[in-house]
Amino acid sequence: MSSALQFLADGFLVALQSHNLVFAFIGVLIGTAVGVLPGIGPMSGVALLMPVTASLTSGLPPESAAASALILLAGVYYGAMYGGSTTSILLNTPGESSSVVTTLDGYQMAKQGRAGAALSIAAIGSFVAGLVALIALVFLADPLSDLALKFGPAEYFSLMLLGLCAVSGLGGKSMTKALIMTVMGLLLATIGMDTVSGVARFTYDIPDLYQGLEFLTIAVGLFALGEVFKTIIEDDQSSKEIMKVGRVLPSKQDLKESAGPIARGSLLGFFIGVLPGAGATLASFFSYIFEKKLSKDPSRFGKGAIAGVAAPESANNAASGGAMIPLLTLGIPGSGTTAILMGALLMYNVQPGPLLFADHPQIAWGLIASMFIGNVMLLVLNMPLVKVFAKIIETPSQFLIPLIIAISVFGVYAVQISTFDLILLVICGVAGYYLTKNDFPLAPLVLGLVLGPMIENNMRRALTTSNGDFSIFLTKPLSAAFLVCALLWLLIPIFLKRRGKQVIISEEA
């Protein structure tokens, strides 16, 4: 425990450096704006800013550059979780998928003239949840890393397979489509030179394909450019009436009614966030249902109950902190956004996983410390500037689209300086639009693309040690347990649907 606090103190020395404070502030500010703007969401925001961080940190030493880039991108991630509540409450339009539940009571509160109280409780709940998740992260990081160091290649292969199945099992509206996208991601990951045999795979004599597909290009194309095509093609000009914010500070009664839901939502959200594939959307649904079951008067929910805002908003922010645990300690991203964050780490030649805390303590603990600072920044930003962020909703798409296109094109070109990447960017943008339009979830594809090479390497290493005997994955107890969990994660939703049960779908960004 004392060593964790010592490492955290060292992390604060990194996070409190002037340039990192600026990066944290830029991250949470942009993240809040990304959350406020309907349709963009944390996945698109993080993907869009990934190439920008490469330019911003170009003058720093490699270790410092990676720490600063991750501080900014993580700020966008949890900042978007904060900002998503604004449109849910004022417009009845979720900023991202995890804010869907907030619309149920948040918009009703706004119609009753209590929009300010709803927004401020959402901000306070998010702040408390962020702190709960980070305190848990501090104390769980080292023990989990030590445990993960005992894993062999067979255990890692099965654990990564579990991560893929978890996201596929709960991704999108159809499990079949989610599995198709997972397989597509794994297939795209095989393009390039085979690292073991040196054979070119699926390159078709195109020199640009020998090093494989650039993860950044695919992520920016699918999410950011895909969203641009959606806005241009569908051109939804229907303007909803935006509710007036009014008094911002909540009353004592509001705070009293919110305290329990915030505490319960924070704990529930954190533990759900740790599970790969569950994510913030599932956490916010569960916490809302849990509060409704506990309430003495469940009929108030859906009519402007403040607990219906406090619980899901706390849960989705705690889940984003919880999702950092498997990413940093095991190297397993549990959602689309953490997969993109993992891609950013790999871009800076930093391998997330059990050795991250030993080999790169400056990055790991600097990030954790920066999240404490970022949460304070978010509270200070959100409480007085609620009305300013509410104005961002009114930004016309004709100003927003050129900006997103410019950042996408210049960012992707700056990383590889290749016109092939720009062609791939446009292809991925078109593909991203048509896939989402037909309910194909993008998160499993991104996860397959990131985990594909690691799954293949661990499988080969395991088979090398067993002389090609596949039973090694079942004879190792931990590996077998992970494979059973992966199978159950796919079979249980199918079984529930067969029984006519409504399965809550996670479209976690």
Protein backbone atom coordinates (compact mmCIF):
# COMPACT_ATOMS: atom_id res chain seq x y z
CA MET A 1 0.00 0.00 0.00
CA SER A 2 2.81 2.42 0.92
CA SER A 3 4.64 1.58 -2.35
CA ALA A 4 1.46 2.39 -4.34
CA LEU A 5 1.24 5.78 -2.62
CA GLN A 6 4.94 6.39 -3.31
CA PHE A 7 4.46 5.57 -7.00
CA LEU A 8 1.40 7.83 -7.08
CA ALA A 9 3.46 10.68 -5.56
CA ASP A 10 6.04 10.15 -8.35
CA GLY A 11 3.16 10.19 -10.84
CA PHE A 12 2.03 13.57 -9.53
CA LEU A 13 5.54 14.93 -10.19
CA VAL A 14 5.00 13.96 -13.85
CA ALA A 15 1.37 15.14 -14.05
CA LEU A 16 2.10 18.50 -12.39
CA GLN A 17 4.74 19.46 -14.98
CA SER A 18 3.53 22.64 -16.68
CA HIS A 19 3.18 21.11 -20.17
CA ASN A 20 1.30 18.08 -18.80
CA LEU A 21 -1.12 20.35 -16.90
CA VAL A 22 -1.78 22.13 -20.22
CA PHE A 23 -2.31 18.76 -21.99
CA ALA A 24 -4.70 17.59 -19.24
CA PHE A 25 -6.66 20.85 -19.50
CA ILE A 26 -6.83 20.70 -23.32
CA GLY A 27 -7.91 17.04 -23.11
CA VAL A 28 -10.78 17.57 -20.64
CA LEU A 29 -11.91 20.74 -22.42
CA ILE A 30 -12.02 19.07 -25.84
CA GLY A 31 -13.51 15.93 -24.24
CA THR A 32 -16.38 17.92 -22.71
CA ALA A 33 -17.03 19.58 -26.09
CA VAL A 34 -16.91 16.14 -27.81
CA GLY A 35 -19.43 14.79 -25.29
CA VAL A 36 -21.69 17.82 -25.75
CA LEU A 37 -21.75 17.58 -29.56
CA PRO A 38 -24.33 14.88 -30.41
CA GLY A 39 -22.98 12.00 -32.48
CA ILE A 40 -19.22 12.48 -32.10
CA GLY A 41 -18.62 10.49 -28.87
CA PRO A 42 -15.38 9.52 -27.07
CA MET A 43 -14.22 6.97 -29.69
CA SER A 44 -14.31 9.51 -32.53
CA GLY A 45 -12.77 12.22 -30.31
CA VAL A 46 -9.82 10.08 -29.17
CA ALA A 47 -9.23 8.69 -32.70
CA LEU A 48 -9.33 12.20 -34.17
CA LEU A 49 -6.81 13.63 -31.68
CA MET A 50 -4.37 10.70 -31.80
CA PRO A 51 -2.40 12.10 -34.78
CA VAL A 52 -2.55 15.62 -33.30
CA THR A 53 -0.72 14.43 -30.14
CA ALA A 54 2.17 13.22 -32.32
CA SER A 55 2.69 16.82 -33.53
CA LEU A 56 2.14 18.40 -30.09
CA THR A 57 4.70 16.15 -28.36
CA SER A 58 7.30 16.05 -31.17
CA GLY A 59 9.93 18.06 -29.22
CA LEU A 60 9.79 15.91 -26.05
CA PRO A 61 11.89 12.82 -25.15
CA PRO A 62 10.11 9.54 -26.14
CA GLU A 63 9.00 8.63 -22.58
CA SER A 64 7.70 12.15 -21.83
CA ALA A 65 5.99 12.38 -25.24
CA ALA A 66 4.10 9.12 -24.61
CA ALA A 67 3.06 10.27 -21.10
CA SER A 68 1.86 13.68 -22.38
CA ALA A 69 -0.04 12.18 -25.33
CA LEU A 70 -1.80 9.66 -23.10
CA ILE A 71 -2.69 12.35 -20.54
CA LEU A 72 -4.37 14.38 -23.30
CA LEU A 73 -6.20 11.40 -24.88
CA ALA A 74 -7.41 10.03 -21.52
CA GLY A 75 -8.65 13.55 -20.72
CA VAL A 76 -10.74 13.44 -23.90
CA TYR A 77 -12.12 10.01 -22.89
CA TYR A 78 -13.39 10.86 -19.40
CA GLY A 79 -14.17 14.46 -20.41
CA ALA A 80 -16.57 13.12 -23.05
CA MET A 81 -18.27 11.04 -20.34
CA TYR A 82 -18.88 14.32 -18.46
CA GLY A 83 -20.08 16.24 -21.51
CA GLY A 84 -22.49 13.58 -22.77
CA SER A 85 -25.00 14.51 -20.07
CA THR A 86 -25.46 18.08 -21.38
CA THR A 87 -27.31 17.19 -24.59
CA SER A 88 -29.19 14.37 -22.83
CA ILE A 89 -30.62 16.86 -20.33
CA LEU A 90 -31.11 19.92 -22.56
CA LEU A 91 -32.01 18.31 -25.90
CA ASN A 92 -33.20 14.79 -25.04
CA THR A 93 -30.39 13.65 -27.40
CA PRO A 94 -27.54 11.56 -25.90
CA GLY A 95 -24.06 12.95 -26.66
CA GLU A 96 -22.81 9.34 -26.64
CA SER A 97 -24.30 5.92 -26.00
CA SER A 98 -23.60 5.80 -22.25
CA SER A 99 -25.73 8.94 -21.74
CA VAL A 100 -28.89 7.33 -23.16
CA VAL A 101 -30.27 6.56 -19.67
CA THR A 102 -29.70 10.15 -18.50
CA THR A 103 -32.29 11.38 -21.01
CA LEU A 104 -35.09 9.53 -19.15
CA ASP A 105 -35.10 11.81 -16.09
CA GLY A 106 -32.67 14.56 -17.13
CA TYR A 107 -34.88 15.92 -19.91
CA GLN A 108 -37.97 15.73 -17.68
CA MET A 109 -36.12 17.79 -15.04
CA ALA A 110 -35.21 20.33 -17.75
CA LYS A 111 -38.87 20.58 -18.80
CA GLN A 112 -39.72 21.31 -15.15
CA GLY A 113 -37.20 24.21 -15.14
CA ARG A 114 -34.56 22.24 -13.19
CA ALA A 115 -31.99 21.81 -16.00
CA GLY A 116 -29.27 23.60 -13.99
CA ALA A 117 -29.72 21.29 -10.99
CA ALA A 118 -29.65 18.21 -13.27
CA LEU A 119 -26.45 19.36 -15.00
CA SER A 120 -24.69 20.23 -11.74
CA ILE A 121 -25.66 16.91 -10.08
CA ALA A 122 -24.38 15.13 -13.20
CA ALA A 123 -21.07 17.03 -12.82
CA ILE A 124 -20.79 16.33 -9.07
CA GLY A 125 -21.70 12.64 -9.58
CA SER A 126 -19.13 12.34 -12.35
CA PHE A 127 -16.44 13.94 -10.15
CA VAL A 128 -17.12 11.62 -7.16
CA ALA A 129 -17.26 8.56 -9.46
CA GLY A 130 -13.98 9.56 -11.09
CA LEU A 131 -12.28 9.78 -7.67
CA VAL A 132 -13.71 6.41 -6.52
CA ALA A 133 -12.48 4.71 -9.71
CA LEU A 134 -9.02 6.29 -9.44
CA ILE A 135 -8.54 5.35 -5.78
CA ALA A 136 -9.46 1.75 -6.68
CA LEU A 137 -7.10 1.91 -9.69
CA VAL A 138 -4.19 3.03 -7.46
CA PHE A 139 -4.58 0.08 -5.07
CA LEU A 140 -5.43 -2.58 -7.66
CA ALA A 141 -2.80 -1.70 -10.28
CA ASP A 142 0.22 -3.32 -8.59
CA PRO A 143 -1.45 -6.57 -7.37
CA LEU A 144 -3.02 -7.16 -10.80
CA SER A 145 0.28 -6.47 -12.57
CA ASP A 146 2.06 -8.97 -10.28
CA LEU A 147 -0.64 -11.56 -10.99
CA ALA A 148 -0.44 -10.95 -14.75
CA LEU A 149 3.35 -11.49 -14.68
CA LYS A 150 2.63 -15.13 -13.78
CA PHE A 151 0.69 -15.58 -17.05
CA GLY A 152 2.30 -17.63 -19.81
CA PRO A 153 1.54 -17.35 -23.56
CA ALA A 154 -1.39 -19.83 -23.27
CA GLU A 155 -3.04 -17.74 -20.51
CA TYR A 156 -2.51 -14.53 -22.48
CA PHE A 157 -3.98 -16.03 -25.65
CA SER A 158 -7.11 -17.16 -23.76
CA LEU A 159 -7.44 -13.86 -21.89
CA MET A 160 -7.30 -11.88 -25.14
CA LEU A 161 -9.84 -14.23 -26.68
CA LEU A 162 -12.07 -13.54 -23.65
CA GLY A 163 -11.70 -9.78 -24.29
CA LEU A 164 -12.77 -10.24 -27.92
CA CYS A 165 -15.74 -12.46 -27.04
CA ALA A 166 -16.87 -10.07 -24.30
CA VAL A 167 -17.04 -7.11 -26.68
CA SER A 168 -18.61 -9.23 -29.45
CA GLY A 169 -21.15 -10.80 -27.09
CA LEU A 170 -22.55 -7.43 -26.05
CA GLY A 171 -21.65 -5.25 -29.04
CA GLY A 172 -24.32 -3.74 -31.28
CA LYS A 173 -27.87 -4.96 -31.84
CA SER A 174 -26.92 -8.33 -33.37
CA MET A 175 -24.30 -10.74 -32.05
CA THR A 176 -23.82 -12.21 -35.54
CA LYS A 177 -22.89 -8.77 -36.91
CA ALA A 178 -20.60 -8.12 -33.94
CA LEU A 179 -18.79 -11.44 -34.53
CA ILE A 180 -18.47 -10.66 -38.27
CA MET A 181 -16.80 -7.35 -37.33
CA THR A 182 -14.49 -9.09 -34.84
CA VAL A 183 -13.35 -11.58 -37.50
CA MET A 184 -12.91 -8.71 -39.99
CA GLY A 185 -10.68 -6.90 -37.48
CA LEU A 186 -8.59 -10.06 -36.96
CA LEU A 187 -8.28 -10.56 -40.74
CA LEU A 188 -7.16 -6.96 -41.29
CA ALA A 189 -4.53 -7.47 -38.54
CA THR A 190 -2.90 -10.29 -40.59
CA ILE A 191 -2.06 -7.98 -43.53
CA GLY A 192 1.69 -7.36 -43.87
CA MET A 193 4.91 -9.30 -43.25
CA ASP A 194 4.62 -12.32 -40.95
CA THR A 195 7.00 -11.54 -38.08
CA VAL A 196 7.96 -15.22 -37.57
CA SER A 197 8.44 -16.56 -41.12
CA GLY A 198 8.97 -13.25 -42.97
CA VAL A 199 6.34 -14.21 -45.58
CA ALA A 200 4.18 -11.40 -47.06
CA ARG A 201 0.47 -11.97 -46.37
CA PHE A 202 -2.42 -10.36 -48.28
CA THR A 203 -0.13 -7.63 -49.66
CA TYR A 204 -0.85 -8.19 -53.42
CA ASP A 205 2.61 -6.74 -54.27
CA ILE A 206 1.56 -3.31 -52.95
CA PRO A 207 4.68 -1.94 -51.12
CA ASP A 208 2.55 0.16 -48.71
CA LEU A 209 0.90 -3.01 -47.35
CA TYR A 210 4.15 -4.78 -46.33
CA GLN A 211 4.23 -3.02 -42.94
CA GLY A 212 0.52 -3.70 -42.38
CA LEU A 213 -2.40 -1.29 -42.10
CA GLU A 214 -1.79 1.78 -39.94
CA PHE A 215 -4.14 1.50 -36.94
CA LEU A 216 -4.46 5.28 -36.68
CA THR A 217 -5.70 5.63 -40.29
CA ILE A 218 -8.38 2.95 -39.79
CA ALA A 219 -9.56 4.39 -36.43
CA VAL A 220 -9.80 7.99 -37.70
CA GLY A 221 -11.46 6.87 -40.95
CA LEU A 222 -14.09 4.62 -39.34
CA PHE A 223 -15.09 6.97 -36.53
CA ALA A 224 -14.29 10.60 -37.35
CA LEU A 225 -14.71 10.52 -41.15
CA GLY A 226 -17.60 8.04 -40.90
CA GLU A 227 -19.43 10.57 -38.71
CA VAL A 228 -18.72 13.31 -41.29
CA PHE A 229 -20.24 11.22 -44.13
CA LYS A 230 -23.26 10.49 -41.94
CA THR A 231 -23.82 14.22 -41.30
CA ILE A 232 -23.36 15.13 -45.00
CA ILE A 233 -25.49 12.30 -46.45
CA GLU A 234 -28.32 12.28 -43.91
CA ASP A 235 -28.25 16.08 -43.39
CA ASP A 236 -30.66 16.08 -40.45
CA GLN A 237 -31.65 19.73 -40.13
CA SER A 238 -34.42 19.17 -37.59
CA SER A 239 -33.66 21.60 -34.77
CA LYS A 240 -34.89 20.66 -31.35
CA GLU A 241 -35.80 23.23 -28.77
CA ILE A 242 -32.95 23.66 -26.27
CA MET A 243 -34.05 23.96 -22.65
CA LYS A 244 -32.92 26.98 -20.64
CA VAL A 245 -30.36 26.16 -17.94
CA GLY A 246 -31.61 28.52 -15.20
CA ARG A 247 -30.21 28.20 -11.65
CA VAL A 248 -27.04 26.07 -11.72
CA LEU A 249 -26.38 25.19 -8.06
CA PRO A 250 -28.42 22.26 -6.70
CA SER A 251 -30.50 22.69 -3.54
CA LYS A 252 -29.73 20.89 -0.25
CA GLN A 253 -32.63 18.55 -0.94
CA ASP A 254 -31.16 17.70 -4.37
CA LEU A 255 -27.79 16.92 -2.80
CA LYS A 256 -29.40 14.81 -0.07
CA GLU A 257 -31.42 12.76 -2.61
CA SER A 258 -28.37 12.31 -4.85
CA ALA A 259 -25.76 11.24 -2.26
CA GLY A 260 -26.82 7.55 -2.09
CA PRO A 261 -27.32 7.08 -5.86
CA ILE A 262 -23.93 8.72 -6.57
CA ALA A 263 -22.13 6.41 -4.10
CA ARG A 264 -23.89 3.26 -5.33
CA GLY A 265 -23.55 4.24 -9.01
CA SER A 266 -19.81 4.90 -8.55
CA LEU A 267 -19.10 1.48 -7.01
CA LEU A 268 -21.36 -0.44 -9.39
CA GLY A 269 -20.00 1.42 -12.43
CA PHE A 270 -16.40 0.78 -11.43
CA PHE A 271 -16.82 -2.99 -11.07
CA ILE A 272 -18.79 -3.23 -14.34
CA GLY A 273 -16.13 -1.10 -16.07
CA VAL A 274 -13.39 -3.56 -15.04
CA LEU A 275 -15.16 -6.36 -16.97
CA PRO A 276 -13.95 -6.45 -20.58
CA GLY A 277 -16.76 -5.66 -23.00
CA ALA A 278 -19.26 -4.39 -20.42
CA GLY A 279 -18.37 -0.69 -20.48
CA ALA A 280 -20.11 2.52 -19.50
CA THR A 281 -23.39 1.92 -21.34
CA LEU A 282 -24.11 -1.26 -19.44
CA ALA A 283 -22.99 0.37 -16.16
CA SER A 284 -25.41 3.29 -16.58
CA PHE A 285 -28.32 0.92 -17.42
CA PHE A 286 -27.65 -1.31 -14.42
CA SER A 287 -27.27 1.55 -11.95
CA TYR A 288 -30.55 3.12 -13.16
CA ILE A 289 -32.41 -0.21 -12.78
CA PHE A 290 -30.78 -0.76 -9.36
CA GLU A 291 -31.88 2.70 -8.08
CA LYS A 292 -35.40 2.14 -9.38
CA LYS A 293 -35.59 -1.20 -7.50
CA LEU A 294 -34.31 0.44 -4.28
CA SER A 295 -36.58 3.49 -4.50
CA LYS A 296 -39.56 3.76 -2.14
CA ASP A 297 -41.46 5.38 -5.03
CA PRO A 298 -40.31 3.83 -8.36
CA SER A 299 -43.08 5.67 -10.24
CA ARG A 300 -41.03 8.92 -9.91
CA PHE A 301 -38.42 7.52 -12.29
CA GLY A 302 -38.93 8.77 -15.84
CA LYS A 303 -40.74 11.86 -14.51
CA GLY A 304 -37.76 13.90 -13.34
CA ALA A 305 -36.28 11.96 -10.37
CA ILE A 306 -32.84 13.39 -9.58
CA ALA A 307 -31.61 9.88 -8.65
CA GLY A 308 -32.29 8.93 -12.29
CA VAL A 309 -29.62 11.46 -13.33
CA ALA A 310 -27.14 11.00 -10.45
CA ALA A 311 -26.85 7.18 -10.62
CA PRO A 312 -26.24 6.60 -14.36
CA GLU A 313 -23.94 9.62 -14.71
CA SER A 314 -21.84 8.41 -11.75
CA ALA A 315 -21.82 4.86 -13.13
CA ASN A 316 -20.67 5.75 -16.64
CA ASN A 317 -17.77 7.86 -15.33
CA ALA A 318 -16.71 5.21 -12.81
CA ALA A 319 -16.83 2.63 -15.63
CA SER A 320 -14.44 4.69 -17.77
CA GLY A 321 -11.96 4.65 -14.82
CA GLY A 322 -12.56 0.93 -14.26
CA ALA A 323 -11.91 0.20 -17.96
CA MET A 324 -8.36 1.56 -17.48
CA ILE A 325 -7.49 -1.35 -15.13
CA PRO A 326 -7.53 -4.24 -17.68
CA LEU A 327 -5.91 -1.93 -20.27
CA LEU A 328 -2.96 -0.85 -18.11
CA THR A 329 -2.39 -4.00 -16.03
CA LEU A 330 -3.27 -6.81 -18.46
CA GLY A 331 -2.97 -5.10 -21.85
CA ILE A 332 -6.60 -6.00 -22.63
CA PRO A 333 -8.77 -3.10 -23.84
CA GLY A 334 -12.34 -3.62 -22.63
CA SER A 335 -14.01 -1.20 -25.04
CA GLY A 336 -13.55 0.62 -28.35
CA THR A 337 -12.09 3.76 -26.75
CA THR A 338 -9.60 1.87 -24.59
CA ALA A 339 -8.60 -0.07 -27.75
CA ILE A 340 -7.78 3.26 -29.41
CA LEU A 341 -5.86 4.36 -26.27
CA MET A 342 -3.94 1.07 -26.52
CA GLY A 343 -3.23 1.87 -30.17
CA ALA A 344 -1.83 5.25 -29.03
CA LEU A 345 0.49 3.51 -26.52
CA LEU A 346 1.72 1.11 -29.20
CA MET A 347 2.26 4.08 -31.53
CA TYR A 348 4.76 5.41 -28.95
CA ASN A 349 6.40 1.94 -28.65
CA VAL A 350 4.96 1.37 -25.17
CA GLN A 351 3.47 -2.10 -24.54
CA PRO A 352 0.55 -1.97 -22.08
CA GLY A 353 0.33 -4.92 -19.70
CA PRO A 354 1.96 -6.22 -16.53
CA LEU A 355 5.40 -4.82 -17.37
CA LEU A 356 4.05 -1.30 -18.02
CA PHE A 357 4.30 -0.33 -14.34
CA ALA A 358 7.84 -1.75 -14.07
CA ASP A 359 9.25 -0.59 -17.42
CA HIS A 360 7.38 2.72 -17.82
CA PRO A 361 6.32 3.93 -14.33
CA GLN A 362 6.50 7.55 -15.50
CA ILE A 363 3.77 6.89 -18.10
CA ALA A 364 1.54 4.59 -16.00
CA TRP A 365 1.55 6.57 -12.74
CA GLY A 366 1.73 9.94 -14.53
CA LEU A 367 -1.52 9.01 -16.34
CA ILE A 368 -3.25 7.90 -13.10
CA ALA A 369 -2.19 11.10 -11.28
CA SER A 370 -3.28 13.24 -14.24
CA MET A 371 -6.76 11.70 -14.02
CA PHE A 372 -7.07 13.00 -10.45
CA ILE A 373 -6.10 16.47 -11.66
CA GLY A 374 -8.31 16.18 -14.75
CA ASN A 375 -11.36 15.32 -12.63
CA VAL A 376 -10.83 18.45 -10.49
CA MET A 377 -10.42 20.51 -13.69
CA LEU A 378 -13.67 19.06 -15.05
CA LEU A 379 -15.61 19.98 -11.91
CA VAL A 380 -14.18 23.52 -11.94
CA LEU A 381 -14.93 23.81 -15.68
CA ASN A 382 -18.39 22.27 -15.66
CA MET A 383 -20.02 23.96 -12.68
CA PRO A 384 -19.50 27.65 -13.68
CA LEU A 385 -19.37 27.06 -17.46
CA VAL A 386 -22.49 24.89 -17.85
CA LYS A 387 -24.24 27.63 -19.83
CA VAL A 388 -21.21 28.07 -22.12
CA PHE A 389 -21.06 24.34 -22.92
CA ALA A 390 -24.80 24.39 -23.53
CA LYS A 391 -24.11 26.93 -26.33
CA ILE A 392 -21.73 24.47 -28.07
CA ILE A 393 -24.81 22.38 -28.94
CA GLU A 394 -25.83 25.15 -31.34
CA THR A 395 -22.60 24.86 -33.42
CA PRO A 396 -23.75 24.50 -37.08
CA SER A 397 -22.48 21.37 -38.85
CA GLN A 398 -21.13 23.48 -41.76
CA PHE A 399 -18.41 24.83 -39.40
CA LEU A 400 -17.78 21.52 -37.64
CA ILE A 401 -17.39 19.24 -40.71
CA PRO A 402 -14.49 21.09 -42.43
CA LEU A 403 -12.61 21.19 -39.10
CA ILE A 404 -12.98 17.42 -38.56
CA ILE A 405 -11.94 16.68 -42.18
CA ALA A 406 -8.86 18.96 -41.88
CA ILE A 407 -7.70 17.38 -38.59
CA SER A 408 -8.27 13.87 -40.00
CA VAL A 409 -6.39 14.44 -43.26
CA PHE A 410 -3.43 16.44 -41.89
CA GLY A 411 -3.13 14.21 -38.81
CA VAL A 412 -3.03 10.93 -40.75
CA TYR A 413 -0.69 12.32 -43.43
CA ALA A 414 1.72 13.70 -40.80
CA VAL A 415 2.24 10.27 -39.21
CA GLN A 416 3.20 8.24 -42.32
CA ILE A 417 3.56 10.95 -45.03
CA SER A 418 1.88 8.56 -47.47
CA THR A 419 -0.88 9.23 -50.00
CA PHE A 420 -1.85 5.54 -49.69
CA ASP A 421 -2.92 6.29 -46.11
CA LEU A 422 -5.13 9.16 -47.30
CA ILE A 423 -6.87 6.83 -49.81
CA LEU A 424 -7.29 4.25 -47.03
CA LEU A 425 -8.68 7.00 -44.76
CA VAL A 426 -11.44 7.86 -47.27
CA ILE A 427 -12.25 4.15 -47.88
CA CYS A 428 -12.54 3.58 -44.10
CA GLY A 429 -14.72 6.70 -43.77
CA VAL A 430 -17.19 5.39 -46.39
CA ALA A 431 -17.05 1.89 -44.85
CA GLY A 432 -17.61 3.36 -41.36
CA TYR A 433 -20.74 5.19 -42.54
CA TYR A 434 -22.30 2.16 -44.27
CA LEU A 435 -21.40 -0.23 -41.44
CA THR A 436 -22.98 1.92 -38.71
CA LYS A 437 -25.99 2.65 -40.94
CA ASN A 438 -26.60 -1.11 -41.16
CA ASP A 439 -26.05 -1.71 -37.41
CA PHE A 440 -22.58 -3.28 -37.70
CA PRO A 441 -20.74 -2.22 -34.49
CA LEU A 442 -17.26 -0.76 -35.06
CA ALA A 443 -15.77 -1.43 -31.60
CA PRO A 444 -15.24 -5.21 -32.19
CA LEU A 445 -13.39 -4.45 -35.46
CA VAL A 446 -11.03 -2.00 -33.72
CA LEU A 447 -10.46 -4.46 -30.88
CA GLY A 448 -9.73 -7.29 -33.34
CA LEU A 449 -7.26 -5.08 -35.19
CA VAL A 450 -5.39 -4.16 -31.97
CA LEU A 451 -5.42 -7.60 -30.34
CA GLY A 452 -4.94 -9.66 -33.54
CA PRO A 453 -1.10 -9.57 -33.69
CA MET A 454 -0.81 -10.25 -29.94
CA ILE A 455 -3.27 -13.18 -30.08
CA GLU A 456 -1.30 -14.69 -32.98
CA ASN A 457 2.09 -14.22 -31.27
CA ASN A 458 0.93 -15.75 -27.97
CA MET A 459 -0.73 -18.66 -29.76
CA ARG A 460 2.48 -19.40 -31.68
CA ARG A 461 4.62 -19.14 -28.54
CA ALA A 462 2.27 -21.47 -26.65
CA LEU A 463 2.26 -24.02 -29.51
CA THR A 464 6.08 -23.82 -29.76
CA THR A 465 6.43 -24.78 -26.07
CA SER A 466 3.92 -27.66 -26.49
CA ASN A 467 5.36 -28.93 -29.81
CA GLY A 468 2.16 -28.01 -31.67
CA ASP A 469 -0.23 -29.59 -29.15
CA PHE A 470 -3.39 -27.45 -28.94
CA SER A 471 -4.44 -29.12 -25.66
CA ILE A 472 -2.02 -26.75 -23.83
CA PHE A 473 -4.83 -24.15 -23.85
CA LEU A 474 -7.10 -26.56 -21.92
CA THR A 475 -4.56 -28.24 -19.64
CA LYS A 476 -3.42 -24.93 -18.12
CA PRO A 477 -6.16 -24.23 -15.50
CA LEU A 478 -6.21 -20.42 -15.88
CA SER A 479 -6.23 -20.62 -19.68
CA ALA A 480 -9.11 -23.14 -19.58
CA ALA A 481 -11.06 -20.89 -17.17
CA PHE A 482 -10.66 -17.90 -19.52
CA LEU A 483 -11.85 -19.96 -22.50
CA VAL A 484 -14.92 -21.20 -20.57
CA CYS A 485 -15.73 -17.57 -19.59
CA ALA A 486 -15.33 -16.51 -23.26
CA LEU A 487 -17.73 -19.25 -24.35
CA LEU A 488 -20.28 -18.31 -21.67
CA TRP A 489 -20.06 -14.63 -22.68
CA LEU A 490 -21.25 -15.62 -26.15
CA LEU A 491 -23.77 -18.30 -25.15
CA ILE A 492 -25.60 -16.56 -22.26
CA PRO A 493 -26.97 -13.62 -24.38
CA ILE A 494 -28.14 -16.17 -27.02
CA PHE A 495 -29.84 -18.26 -24.32
CA LEU A 496 -31.54 -15.18 -22.81
CA LYS A 497 -32.80 -14.06 -26.22
CA ARG A 498 -34.16 -17.56 -26.91
CA ARG A 499 -36.05 -17.33 -23.62
CA GLY A 500 -37.57 -14.06 -24.82
CA LYS A 501 -35.59 -11.92 -22.36
CA GLN A 502 -34.55 -8.40 -23.36
CA VAL A 503 -30.73 -8.31 -23.42
CA ILE A 504 -29.25 -4.90 -22.62
CA ILE A 505 -26.91 -4.18 -25.47
CA SER A 506 -23.66 -2.32 -24.89
CA GLU A 507 -22.70 -0.04 -27.73
CA GLU A 508 -19.94 1.35 -25.56
CA ALA A 509 -17.71 3.75 -27.36
